[in-house]
N, C-alpha and C. Protein backbone atom coordinates (compact mmCIF):
# COMPACT_ATOMS: atom_id res chain seq x y z
N MET A 1 2.32 -26.14 -17.93
CA MET A 1 0.56 -26.55 -18.20
C MET A 1 0.17 -25.85 -19.47
N ALA A 2 -0.56 -26.95 -20.47
CA ALA A 2 -0.77 -26.53 -21.78
C ALA A 2 -1.89 -25.42 -21.94
N ASP A 3 -1.80 -24.74 -23.31
CA ASP A 3 -3.02 -23.78 -23.57
C ASP A 3 -2.90 -22.45 -22.22
N GLN A 4 -1.96 -22.09 -21.79
CA GLN A 4 -1.90 -21.07 -21.00
C GLN A 4 -2.30 -19.76 -21.94
N LEU A 5 -3.06 -19.01 -21.36
CA LEU A 5 -3.57 -17.49 -21.83
C LEU A 5 -2.73 -16.58 -20.81
N GLU A 6 -1.81 -16.04 -21.78
CA GLU A 6 -1.82 -14.57 -20.93
C GLU A 6 -2.19 -13.77 -20.50
N VAL A 7 -2.02 -13.10 -19.10
CA VAL A 7 -2.81 -11.98 -18.22
C VAL A 7 -1.95 -11.02 -18.04
N LYS A 8 -2.24 -10.13 -18.00
CA LYS A 8 -1.26 -8.70 -18.01
C LYS A 8 -2.07 -8.13 -16.43
N PHE A 9 -0.78 -7.87 -15.82
CA PHE A 9 -1.56 -7.18 -14.47
C PHE A 9 -0.43 -5.88 -14.27
N TYR A 10 -1.16 -4.77 -14.65
CA TYR A 10 -0.42 -3.27 -14.33
C TYR A 10 -0.75 -3.12 -12.68
N PHE A 11 0.57 -2.82 -12.41
CA PHE A 11 0.17 -2.41 -10.96
C PHE A 11 1.39 -0.98 -10.82
N ALA A 12 1.14 -0.90 -9.30
CA ALA A 12 1.94 0.31 -9.03
C ALA A 12 2.23 0.32 -7.12
N TYR A 13 3.51 -0.06 -6.80
CA TYR A 13 3.76 -0.12 -5.54
C TYR A 13 3.14 0.98 -4.62
N THR A 14 2.57 1.81 -4.89
CA THR A 14 2.12 2.75 -4.08
C THR A 14 0.23 3.13 -4.27
N SER A 15 -0.12 1.98 -5.12
CA SER A 15 -1.45 1.70 -5.06
C SER A 15 -1.96 0.85 -4.06
N PRO A 16 -2.88 1.04 -3.00
CA PRO A 16 -3.37 0.24 -2.16
C PRO A 16 -4.20 -1.02 -3.09
N PHE A 17 -4.69 -0.51 -4.15
CA PHE A 17 -5.62 -1.61 -4.57
C PHE A 17 -4.44 -2.39 -4.99
N SER A 18 -3.83 -2.09 -5.80
CA SER A 18 -2.63 -2.73 -6.37
C SER A 18 -1.75 -4.08 -5.45
N TYR A 19 -1.85 -3.48 -4.20
CA TYR A 19 -1.03 -4.68 -3.08
C TYR A 19 -2.04 -5.30 -2.71
N LEU A 20 -3.69 -4.88 -2.82
CA LEU A 20 -4.45 -6.15 -2.51
C LEU A 20 -4.68 -6.88 -3.91
N ALA A 21 -4.62 -6.25 -5.28
CA ALA A 21 -4.72 -7.43 -5.89
C ALA A 21 -3.47 -7.97 -6.10
N TYR A 22 -2.57 -8.08 -5.76
CA TYR A 22 -1.45 -8.33 -6.12
C TYR A 22 -1.07 -10.12 -5.52
N ALA A 23 -1.47 -10.02 -4.59
CA ALA A 23 -1.66 -11.69 -4.03
C ALA A 23 -2.17 -12.66 -5.13
N PRO A 24 -3.81 -12.24 -5.22
CA PRO A 24 -4.62 -13.09 -6.23
C PRO A 24 -4.23 -13.12 -7.43
N ALA A 25 -3.32 -11.99 -8.16
CA ALA A 25 -3.06 -12.36 -9.10
C ALA A 25 -2.15 -13.63 -9.16
N ARG A 26 -0.98 -13.63 -8.15
CA ARG A 26 0.06 -14.76 -8.06
C ARG A 26 -0.80 -16.05 -8.08
N GLU A 27 -1.88 -16.29 -7.61
CA GLU A 27 -2.84 -17.28 -7.13
C GLU A 27 -3.40 -17.31 -8.46
N LEU A 28 -3.61 -16.59 -9.63
CA LEU A 28 -4.18 -17.07 -10.58
C LEU A 28 -3.32 -18.29 -11.45
N GLU A 29 -2.33 -18.28 -11.44
CA GLU A 29 -1.30 -19.21 -11.88
C GLU A 29 -1.28 -20.39 -11.46
N LYS A 30 -1.78 -20.34 -10.29
CA LYS A 30 -1.84 -22.14 -9.65
C LYS A 30 -3.56 -22.58 -9.77
N SER A 31 -4.44 -22.04 -9.50
CA SER A 31 -5.82 -22.21 -9.99
C SER A 31 -6.34 -21.91 -11.76
N HIS A 32 -5.71 -21.46 -12.39
CA HIS A 32 -6.37 -21.39 -13.48
C HIS A 32 -4.80 -21.71 -14.70
N ARG A 33 -5.64 -21.86 -16.16
CA ARG A 33 -4.64 -22.17 -17.11
C ARG A 33 -3.64 -20.35 -17.55
N VAL A 34 -3.39 -19.98 -16.89
CA VAL A 34 -2.75 -18.61 -17.13
C VAL A 34 -1.04 -18.70 -16.47
N ARG A 35 -0.87 -17.52 -17.77
CA ARG A 35 0.54 -16.85 -17.11
C ARG A 35 0.54 -15.35 -16.87
N VAL A 36 0.75 -14.70 -16.13
CA VAL A 36 0.47 -13.60 -15.36
C VAL A 36 1.93 -12.76 -15.56
N ARG A 37 1.44 -11.44 -16.41
CA ARG A 37 3.13 -10.67 -16.30
C ARG A 37 2.26 -9.63 -15.32
N PHE A 38 3.34 -9.33 -14.55
CA PHE A 38 3.11 -8.10 -13.52
C PHE A 38 4.03 -6.84 -14.63
N ILE A 39 3.68 -6.00 -14.53
CA ILE A 39 3.67 -4.49 -15.48
C ILE A 39 3.61 -3.76 -14.80
N PRO A 40 4.59 -2.90 -14.34
CA PRO A 40 4.90 -1.61 -13.66
C PRO A 40 4.16 -0.33 -14.58
N TYR A 41 3.25 0.43 -13.92
CA TYR A 41 2.65 1.37 -14.46
C TYR A 41 2.16 2.83 -13.61
N GLY A 42 3.13 3.96 -14.09
CA GLY A 42 2.71 4.93 -12.99
C GLY A 42 1.63 5.85 -13.78
N VAL A 43 0.90 6.22 -12.53
CA VAL A 43 -0.45 6.27 -12.45
C VAL A 43 -0.53 7.77 -11.99
N ASN A 44 -1.28 8.68 -12.82
CA ASN A 44 -1.73 10.27 -13.01
C ASN A 44 -2.93 10.36 -11.97
N ILE A 45 -2.34 10.55 -10.83
CA ILE A 45 -3.66 10.61 -9.72
C ILE A 45 -4.92 11.65 -9.97
N ARG A 46 -4.53 12.62 -10.85
CA ARG A 46 -5.53 13.87 -10.81
C ARG A 46 -6.28 13.65 -12.07
N ARG A 47 -5.55 12.73 -13.50
CA ARG A 47 -6.20 11.96 -14.51
C ARG A 47 -7.44 10.86 -13.95
N VAL A 48 -6.75 10.42 -13.24
CA VAL A 48 -7.26 8.94 -13.03
C VAL A 48 -9.06 9.55 -12.08
N TYR A 49 -8.61 10.05 -10.91
CA TYR A 49 -9.89 10.25 -9.72
C TYR A 49 -10.41 12.25 -9.77
N GLY A 50 -9.90 12.48 -11.27
CA GLY A 50 -10.80 13.42 -11.51
C GLY A 50 -9.93 14.99 -10.81
N PRO A 51 -10.19 16.12 -11.44
CA PRO A 51 -9.25 17.69 -11.07
C PRO A 51 -9.60 17.63 -9.42
N LEU A 52 -8.59 18.20 -9.08
CA LEU A 52 -8.40 18.14 -6.98
C LEU A 52 -8.88 19.85 -7.04
N ASP A 53 -10.01 20.00 -7.28
CA ASP A 53 -10.02 21.66 -7.13
C ASP A 53 -11.11 22.22 -6.06
N ASN A 54 -11.66 21.02 -5.11
CA ASN A 54 -12.43 21.27 -4.23
C ASN A 54 -11.78 20.65 -3.13
N PRO A 55 -11.07 21.22 -2.30
CA PRO A 55 -10.40 20.42 -0.97
C PRO A 55 -11.13 19.58 0.15
N GLU A 56 -12.35 20.23 -0.10
CA GLU A 56 -13.12 19.31 0.89
C GLU A 56 -13.59 17.85 0.39
N THR A 57 -13.57 18.28 -0.79
CA THR A 57 -14.51 16.93 -1.84
C THR A 57 -13.47 16.26 -2.08
N ASP A 58 -12.33 16.74 -2.02
CA ASP A 58 -11.09 15.85 -2.41
C ASP A 58 -10.50 15.09 -1.42
N ARG A 59 -10.51 15.69 -0.04
CA ARG A 59 -10.50 15.22 1.35
C ARG A 59 -11.16 13.20 1.38
N ARG A 60 -12.61 14.06 1.05
CA ARG A 60 -14.00 12.95 1.42
C ARG A 60 -13.06 12.08 0.18
N LYS A 61 -13.00 12.01 -1.02
CA LYS A 61 -12.87 10.88 -1.89
C LYS A 61 -11.33 10.04 -1.62
N VAL A 62 -10.36 10.91 -1.24
CA VAL A 62 -8.90 10.05 -1.02
C VAL A 62 -9.55 9.46 0.71
N ARG A 63 -10.51 9.94 1.74
CA ARG A 63 -11.03 9.27 2.98
C ARG A 63 -11.54 8.57 2.44
N TYR A 64 -12.42 7.69 1.37
CA TYR A 64 -13.28 6.87 1.55
C TYR A 64 -12.24 5.84 0.93
N LEU A 65 -11.59 6.24 -0.69
CA LEU A 65 -10.36 5.18 -1.41
C LEU A 65 -9.54 4.43 -0.14
N TYR A 66 -9.26 5.20 0.82
CA TYR A 66 -8.40 4.38 2.02
C TYR A 66 -9.38 3.68 2.83
N LEU A 67 -10.42 4.11 3.10
CA LEU A 67 -11.21 3.20 3.91
C LEU A 67 -11.52 2.05 3.25
N ASP A 68 -11.97 2.11 1.82
CA ASP A 68 -12.38 0.89 1.27
C ASP A 68 -11.23 -0.02 1.58
N ALA A 69 -9.73 0.55 1.09
CA ALA A 69 -8.90 -0.25 0.89
C ALA A 69 -8.60 -1.02 2.09
N ARG A 70 -8.70 -0.32 3.40
CA ARG A 70 -8.08 -0.81 4.87
C ARG A 70 -9.44 -1.82 5.39
N ARG A 71 -10.63 -1.83 4.58
CA ARG A 71 -11.68 -2.87 5.22
C ARG A 71 -11.28 -4.12 4.49
N ILE A 72 -10.87 -4.15 2.88
CA ILE A 72 -10.20 -5.14 2.17
C ILE A 72 -9.12 -5.82 2.96
N ALA A 73 -8.20 -4.89 3.29
CA ALA A 73 -7.12 -5.24 3.62
C ALA A 73 -7.23 -5.82 4.93
N ARG A 74 -7.93 -5.62 5.99
CA ARG A 74 -8.54 -6.41 7.14
C ARG A 74 -8.80 -7.78 7.13
N GLU A 75 -9.53 -7.57 6.09
CA GLU A 75 -10.26 -9.43 5.79
C GLU A 75 -8.93 -10.54 5.62
N ARG A 76 -7.99 -9.69 5.18
CA ARG A 76 -6.62 -10.49 4.87
C ARG A 76 -5.82 -10.67 5.38
N GLY A 77 -5.74 -10.07 6.35
CA GLY A 77 -4.43 -10.12 7.75
C GLY A 77 -3.32 -8.99 7.05
N LEU A 78 -4.13 -7.97 6.27
CA LEU A 78 -3.07 -7.22 5.55
C LEU A 78 -2.88 -5.59 6.66
N THR A 79 -2.25 -4.57 6.34
CA THR A 79 -1.79 -3.60 6.91
C THR A 79 -1.76 -2.21 5.81
N ILE A 80 -2.39 -1.44 5.42
CA ILE A 80 -2.43 -0.14 4.77
C ILE A 80 -2.84 0.96 5.90
N TYR A 81 -1.33 1.85 5.66
CA TYR A 81 -1.78 3.23 6.44
C TYR A 81 -1.28 4.05 5.38
N PRO A 82 -2.36 5.13 5.36
CA PRO A 82 -2.70 6.39 3.78
C PRO A 82 -0.99 6.46 4.17
N PRO A 83 -0.61 6.69 3.23
CA PRO A 83 0.73 7.72 2.81
C PRO A 83 0.44 9.46 2.84
N LYS A 84 1.72 9.71 3.62
CA LYS A 84 1.60 11.38 4.38
C LYS A 84 1.89 12.12 2.82
N LYS A 85 2.01 11.57 1.89
CA LYS A 85 2.47 12.52 0.27
C LYS A 85 2.17 11.71 -0.90
N ILE A 86 2.42 12.04 -1.98
CA ILE A 86 2.04 11.19 -3.16
C ILE A 86 3.76 10.84 -3.52
N PHE A 87 4.17 9.75 -3.60
CA PHE A 87 5.58 9.70 -3.92
C PHE A 87 5.64 9.06 -5.28
N SER A 88 6.77 8.83 -5.49
CA SER A 88 7.00 8.57 -7.07
C SER A 88 7.54 7.22 -6.75
N CYS A 89 7.32 6.48 -7.55
CA CYS A 89 7.35 4.74 -8.06
C CYS A 89 8.69 4.43 -8.62
N ARG A 90 8.90 5.58 -9.35
CA ARG A 90 9.82 5.00 -10.28
C ARG A 90 10.82 4.18 -9.73
N LEU A 91 11.82 4.32 -8.83
CA LEU A 91 13.03 3.92 -8.17
C LEU A 91 12.84 2.48 -8.07
N ALA A 92 11.04 2.55 -7.44
CA ALA A 92 10.98 1.21 -6.83
C ALA A 92 10.64 0.32 -8.17
N PHE A 93 10.28 1.20 -9.06
CA PHE A 93 9.70 0.12 -10.21
C PHE A 93 11.37 -0.44 -10.99
N TYR A 94 12.06 0.60 -11.00
CA TYR A 94 13.49 0.00 -11.18
C TYR A 94 13.98 -1.28 -10.78
N GLY A 95 13.92 -1.40 -9.19
CA GLY A 95 14.18 -2.35 -8.54
C GLY A 95 13.23 -3.41 -9.06
N GLY A 96 11.98 -3.83 -9.27
CA GLY A 96 11.43 -4.67 -9.37
C GLY A 96 12.06 -5.28 -10.98
N LEU A 97 12.07 -4.04 -11.66
CA LEU A 97 12.67 -4.57 -13.26
C LEU A 97 14.00 -5.46 -13.47
N PHE A 98 15.08 -4.81 -11.98
CA PHE A 98 16.25 -5.08 -11.97
C PHE A 98 15.54 -6.73 -11.23
N ALA A 99 15.26 -7.02 -10.27
CA ALA A 99 15.10 -8.04 -9.78
C ALA A 99 14.30 -9.04 -10.19
N ALA A 100 13.90 -9.00 -11.12
CA ALA A 100 13.01 -9.59 -12.32
C ALA A 100 14.23 -10.50 -13.23
N GLN A 101 15.05 -9.35 -13.41
CA GLN A 101 16.15 -10.38 -14.12
C GLN A 101 16.72 -11.25 -13.61
N TYR A 102 16.64 -11.83 -12.44
CA TYR A 102 17.27 -12.53 -11.33
C TYR A 102 15.88 -13.73 -10.65
N GLU A 103 15.29 -13.79 -11.48
CA GLU A 103 14.04 -14.02 -11.23
C GLU A 103 14.02 -13.99 -9.63
N ARG A 104 13.53 -13.00 -9.13
CA ARG A 104 13.51 -12.12 -7.57
C ARG A 104 12.81 -11.60 -7.57
N PHE A 105 11.96 -10.96 -8.87
CA PHE A 105 10.88 -10.33 -8.55
C PHE A 105 9.96 -10.25 -7.40
N HIS A 106 9.48 -11.56 -7.52
CA HIS A 106 8.59 -11.94 -6.41
C HIS A 106 8.67 -11.54 -4.83
N PRO A 107 9.58 -12.02 -4.43
CA PRO A 107 10.43 -11.67 -2.99
C PRO A 107 10.54 -10.28 -3.17
N TYR A 108 11.03 -9.42 -3.96
CA TYR A 108 11.45 -8.19 -3.69
C TYR A 108 9.96 -7.64 -3.85
N SER A 109 8.98 -7.73 -4.84
CA SER A 109 7.70 -6.88 -4.77
C SER A 109 6.93 -7.64 -3.26
N GLU A 110 6.80 -8.53 -3.38
CA GLU A 110 5.86 -8.80 -1.46
C GLU A 110 6.87 -7.83 -0.49
N ARG A 111 7.93 -7.57 -0.41
CA ARG A 111 8.40 -6.64 0.52
C ARG A 111 8.18 -5.00 0.29
N VAL A 112 8.39 -5.00 -1.29
CA VAL A 112 8.31 -3.35 -1.22
C VAL A 112 6.70 -3.21 -0.61
N PHE A 113 5.66 -3.97 -1.25
CA PHE A 113 4.14 -3.85 -1.06
C PHE A 113 4.00 -3.72 0.69
N GLU A 114 4.43 -4.94 1.32
CA GLU A 114 4.15 -4.76 2.93
C GLU A 114 4.91 -3.54 3.41
N ARG A 115 5.90 -3.32 3.52
CA ARG A 115 6.99 -2.55 3.96
C ARG A 115 6.48 -0.93 3.34
N PHE A 116 6.16 -0.77 2.19
CA PHE A 116 5.85 0.68 1.82
C PHE A 116 3.99 0.81 2.77
N TRP A 117 3.13 0.18 2.49
CA TRP A 117 2.18 0.59 3.19
C TRP A 117 1.75 -0.11 4.80
N ARG A 118 2.84 -0.17 5.33
CA ARG A 118 3.20 -0.03 6.78
C ARG A 118 3.82 0.82 7.22
N HIS A 119 4.65 1.95 6.33
CA HIS A 119 5.31 3.14 6.75
C HIS A 119 6.77 2.30 6.83
N GLU A 120 6.92 1.49 6.41
CA GLU A 120 8.08 1.04 6.89
C GLU A 120 9.67 1.11 5.96
N LEU A 121 9.16 1.41 4.81
CA LEU A 121 9.92 1.71 3.61
C LEU A 121 9.69 3.08 2.83
N ASP A 122 10.69 3.80 2.09
CA ASP A 122 10.85 5.08 1.38
C ASP A 122 10.70 4.79 0.17
N VAL A 123 9.27 4.60 -0.52
CA VAL A 123 10.23 4.12 -2.28
C VAL A 123 11.25 4.83 -2.63
N GLU A 124 11.24 5.97 -2.36
CA GLU A 124 12.50 7.49 -3.01
C GLU A 124 13.77 7.06 -2.44
N ASP A 125 13.88 6.50 -1.67
CA ASP A 125 15.35 6.27 -0.88
C ASP A 125 16.27 5.12 -1.54
N GLY A 126 17.03 5.58 -2.33
CA GLY A 126 17.94 4.83 -3.39
C GLY A 126 18.62 3.90 -2.09
N GLY A 127 18.72 4.18 -0.74
CA GLY A 127 19.56 3.16 0.30
C GLY A 127 18.70 1.89 0.54
N ALA A 128 17.24 2.59 0.90
CA ALA A 128 16.44 1.15 1.42
C ALA A 128 16.03 0.25 -0.08
N ILE A 129 16.01 1.28 -1.16
CA ILE A 129 15.58 -0.21 -2.17
C ILE A 129 16.68 -0.73 -2.44
N ASP A 130 18.20 -0.24 -2.31
CA ASP A 130 19.05 -1.09 -2.10
C ASP A 130 19.16 -2.44 -1.51
N ALA A 131 18.47 -1.88 -0.17
CA ALA A 131 18.99 -2.97 1.15
C ALA A 131 17.54 -3.69 0.84
N VAL A 132 16.46 -3.95 0.34
CA VAL A 132 15.32 -4.65 -0.16
C VAL A 132 16.20 -5.72 -1.27
N LEU A 133 17.07 -5.20 -2.19
CA LEU A 133 17.27 -6.13 -3.42
C LEU A 133 18.75 -6.88 -2.75
N SER A 134 19.42 -6.18 -1.80
CA SER A 134 20.51 -7.08 -0.88
C SER A 134 19.99 -8.27 -0.60
N GLU A 135 18.58 -8.22 0.35
CA GLU A 135 17.96 -8.76 0.88
C GLU A 135 17.31 -10.23 0.81
N VAL A 136 16.82 -9.65 -0.92
CA VAL A 136 16.70 -11.29 -1.84
C VAL A 136 17.59 -12.14 -2.51
N GLY A 137 18.82 -11.59 -2.50
CA GLY A 137 19.80 -11.86 -3.06
C GLY A 137 20.28 -11.52 -4.42
N CYS A 138 20.05 -9.81 -4.70
CA CYS A 138 20.79 -9.27 -6.01
C CYS A 138 21.44 -7.86 -5.06
N ARG A 139 22.89 -7.99 -5.99
CA ARG A 139 23.94 -6.67 -5.49
C ARG A 139 23.49 -5.50 -5.95
N PRO A 140 23.46 -4.15 -5.09
CA PRO A 140 23.07 -3.24 -5.20
C PRO A 140 23.84 -2.36 -6.75
N ALA A 141 25.43 -2.85 -6.13
CA ALA A 141 26.28 -2.16 -7.23
C ALA A 141 25.87 -2.11 -8.40
N ASP A 142 25.43 -3.39 -8.58
CA ASP A 142 25.09 -4.07 -10.24
C ASP A 142 23.44 -3.00 -10.22
N PHE A 143 22.78 -3.12 -9.45
CA PHE A 143 21.74 -2.13 -9.71
C PHE A 143 21.93 -1.04 -9.95
N ALA A 144 22.84 -0.55 -9.44
CA ALA A 144 23.08 0.92 -9.61
C ALA A 144 23.93 1.17 -11.06
N ARG A 145 24.41 -0.13 -11.74
CA ARG A 145 24.84 0.17 -13.00
C ARG A 145 23.59 0.04 -14.29
N TYR A 146 22.53 -0.75 -13.86
CA TYR A 146 21.39 -0.82 -14.19
C TYR A 146 20.71 0.56 -14.61
N VAL A 147 20.41 1.07 -13.15
CA VAL A 147 20.24 2.40 -13.07
C VAL A 147 20.84 3.44 -14.29
N ASP A 148 21.94 3.47 -14.06
CA ASP A 148 22.53 4.27 -15.16
C ASP A 148 22.85 3.71 -16.29
N SER A 149 21.98 2.62 -16.59
CA SER A 149 22.00 2.07 -18.08
C SER A 149 20.81 2.07 -18.91
N ASP A 150 20.12 0.92 -18.42
CA ASP A 150 19.27 0.28 -19.12
C ASP A 150 17.64 0.64 -18.51
N ALA A 151 17.70 1.03 -17.27
CA ALA A 151 16.28 1.09 -16.18
C ALA A 151 15.18 1.54 -16.88
N ARG A 152 15.66 3.36 -17.63
CA ARG A 152 14.78 4.18 -17.63
C ARG A 152 14.15 3.38 -19.34
N MET A 153 15.10 3.35 -20.24
CA MET A 153 14.50 2.24 -21.28
C MET A 153 12.94 1.21 -21.00
N ASP A 154 13.59 0.45 -20.34
CA ASP A 154 12.89 -0.83 -19.68
C ASP A 154 11.87 -0.56 -19.23
N LEU A 155 11.72 0.76 -18.61
CA LEU A 155 9.96 1.28 -17.87
C LEU A 155 9.47 2.08 -18.86
N ASP A 156 10.56 2.81 -19.66
CA ASP A 156 9.31 3.27 -20.77
C ASP A 156 8.76 2.57 -21.75
N LYS A 157 9.50 0.94 -22.15
CA LYS A 157 8.58 0.18 -22.48
C LYS A 157 7.70 -0.48 -21.88
N CYS A 158 7.91 -0.08 -20.94
CA CYS A 158 6.24 -0.77 -19.78
C CYS A 158 5.39 0.33 -19.91
N PHE A 159 5.46 1.36 -20.10
CA PHE A 159 4.82 2.64 -19.89
C PHE A 159 4.18 2.70 -21.33
N ALA A 160 5.07 2.26 -22.85
CA ALA A 160 4.41 2.89 -23.75
C ALA A 160 3.30 1.24 -23.94
N GLU A 161 3.61 0.14 -23.83
CA GLU A 161 2.46 -0.99 -23.88
C GLU A 161 1.55 -0.58 -23.07
N ALA A 162 1.78 -0.22 -21.75
CA ALA A 162 0.21 0.40 -21.11
C ALA A 162 -0.35 1.51 -22.13
N ASP A 163 0.24 2.51 -22.51
CA ASP A 163 -0.26 3.46 -23.11
C ASP A 163 -1.19 2.69 -24.49
N GLY A 164 -0.61 1.58 -24.87
CA GLY A 164 -0.92 0.70 -26.36
C GLY A 164 -2.16 -0.15 -25.92
N ASP A 165 -2.50 -0.20 -24.25
CA ASP A 165 -3.59 -0.95 -23.98
C ASP A 165 -4.63 0.01 -23.27
N GLN A 166 -4.39 1.08 -23.67
CA GLN A 166 -5.13 2.18 -22.87
C GLN A 166 -5.70 1.90 -21.56
N ILE A 167 -4.26 1.87 -20.83
CA ILE A 167 -4.48 1.89 -19.76
C ILE A 167 -4.85 3.35 -18.94
N PHE A 168 -5.45 2.97 -17.81
CA PHE A 168 -5.40 4.58 -17.50
C PHE A 168 -5.29 4.69 -15.84
N GLY A 169 -5.40 3.41 -15.29
CA GLY A 169 -5.31 3.18 -13.68
C GLY A 169 -4.68 2.24 -13.10
N VAL A 170 -4.89 1.67 -11.88
CA VAL A 170 -3.89 0.60 -11.70
C VAL A 170 -4.67 -0.10 -9.95
N PRO A 171 -5.02 -1.36 -9.85
CA PRO A 171 -4.39 -2.32 -11.11
C PRO A 171 -5.51 -2.74 -12.15
N THR A 172 -5.04 -2.79 -13.13
CA THR A 172 -5.52 -3.29 -14.31
C THR A 172 -5.22 -4.78 -14.84
N PHE A 173 -5.93 -5.95 -14.86
CA PHE A 173 -5.68 -6.88 -15.99
C PHE A 173 -6.03 -6.60 -17.30
N MET A 174 -5.38 -7.28 -18.15
CA MET A 174 -5.73 -7.19 -19.23
C MET A 174 -5.79 -8.90 -19.95
N VAL A 175 -6.86 -9.12 -20.14
CA VAL A 175 -7.27 -10.58 -20.89
C VAL A 175 -7.79 -10.40 -22.09
N ASP A 176 -7.17 -11.26 -23.10
CA ASP A 176 -7.69 -11.20 -24.38
C ASP A 176 -8.08 -9.73 -24.89
N GLY A 177 -7.13 -9.11 -24.68
CA GLY A 177 -7.19 -7.02 -24.87
C GLY A 177 -8.03 -6.33 -24.39
N GLU A 178 -8.72 -6.91 -23.15
CA GLU A 178 -9.80 -6.66 -22.69
C GLU A 178 -9.57 -6.25 -21.32
N PRO A 179 -10.12 -4.83 -20.88
CA PRO A 179 -9.63 -4.30 -19.27
C PRO A 179 -10.29 -4.82 -18.32
N PHE A 180 -9.72 -4.72 -17.01
CA PHE A 180 -10.62 -5.48 -15.77
C PHE A 180 -9.86 -4.28 -14.95
N TRP A 181 -10.49 -2.87 -14.33
CA TRP A 181 -10.14 -2.08 -13.68
C TRP A 181 -10.01 -2.54 -12.28
N GLY A 182 -9.41 -2.71 -11.57
CA GLY A 182 -10.04 -2.69 -9.62
C GLY A 182 -9.26 -4.25 -9.39
N GLU A 183 -9.23 -4.42 -7.90
CA GLU A 183 -8.94 -5.46 -7.47
C GLU A 183 -9.59 -6.46 -7.53
N ASP A 184 -11.04 -6.08 -7.76
CA ASP A 184 -11.83 -7.49 -7.44
C ASP A 184 -12.23 -7.62 -8.94
N ARG A 185 -11.97 -7.12 -9.81
CA ARG A 185 -12.35 -7.26 -11.47
C ARG A 185 -12.11 -8.96 -11.48
N ILE A 186 -10.62 -9.09 -11.58
CA ILE A 186 -10.37 -10.43 -11.96
C ILE A 186 -10.83 -11.89 -11.63
N GLY A 187 -11.35 -11.27 -10.22
CA GLY A 187 -11.81 -12.95 -9.55
C GLY A 187 -13.52 -13.05 -10.03
N TRP A 188 -13.94 -11.86 -10.57
CA TRP A 188 -15.09 -11.99 -11.35
C TRP A 188 -15.01 -12.89 -12.96
N ARG A 189 -13.99 -12.24 -13.72
CA ARG A 189 -13.84 -12.83 -14.84
C ARG A 189 -13.20 -14.09 -15.04
N ALA A 190 -12.57 -14.44 -13.66
CA ALA A 190 -11.60 -15.89 -13.85
C ALA A 190 -13.07 -16.85 -13.16
N ASN A 191 -13.97 -16.58 -12.52
CA ASN A 191 -14.96 -17.21 -12.28
C ASN A 191 -15.76 -18.02 -13.26
N SER A 192 -15.95 -17.01 -14.60
CA SER A 192 -16.38 -17.45 -15.56
C SER A 192 -16.28 -19.21 -16.16
N GLY A 193 -14.88 -19.32 -15.57
CA GLY A 193 -14.52 -21.10 -15.95
C GLY A 193 -13.86 -21.54 -16.68
N ARG A 194 -13.46 -20.29 -17.88
CA ARG A 194 -12.39 -20.74 -19.00
C ARG A 194 -11.50 -21.16 -18.85
N TRP A 195 -10.76 -20.60 -17.65
CA TRP A 195 -9.58 -20.83 -17.52
C TRP A 195 -8.96 -21.86 -16.51
N ALA A 196 -10.23 -22.40 -15.92
CA ALA A 196 -10.17 -23.64 -14.92
C ALA A 196 -8.99 -24.66 -15.05
N CYS A 197 -8.04 -24.78 -14.23
CA CYS A 197 -7.22 -26.37 -14.23
C CYS A 197 -7.86 -27.33 -14.11
N ASP A 198 -7.73 -28.51 -15.00
CA ASP A 198 -8.16 -29.74 -15.60
C ASP A 198 -7.37 -30.97 -13.99
N ASP A 199 -7.87 -30.95 -13.31
CA ASP A 199 -7.05 -31.92 -12.10
C ASP A 199 -7.17 -32.94 -12.11
N ASN A 200 -8.48 -33.43 -12.49
CA ASN A 200 -8.52 -35.15 -12.92
C ASN A 200 -8.09 -35.44 -13.89
């Protein structure tokens, strides 16, 4: 498709709103003249949502965020169960970067998102990540070598790119250097008509 615009999609598997934005981000490439780059980014929860110094207020914030996410998820036939703790996404990110080398990023990511939010996958469990990679056609032994060699450097490059784009939370779409934070923002931007496909 000619004159494609690159759209960056910064995401985390452990972000409910990244999960909600993932499928619409993929659909952009079908409906608009864009190429979407999926870039992992680790979020500092306290920095994004404020200091956690009032337990009752904090519970209300978190409760509302998940209430909102689950409303949207229900409309789309998705399941979101709030996690029981804050998970590190690093190993799952490594898996995504590795799968991308074999053009298996999307099959991998679909499974990680869905299973994590259904409480069927522990993203900190190396064996569980190996199982997903194996399921989508990647070799866990090769992944282990990747983790021991280039994985950290590759992920650090993603984080450095995010810092250069001044990303502070996910999901964030970057379009022509302009950030759009939130799962609903990209639809609003895309509806401007600039990216529309010429089907006729």
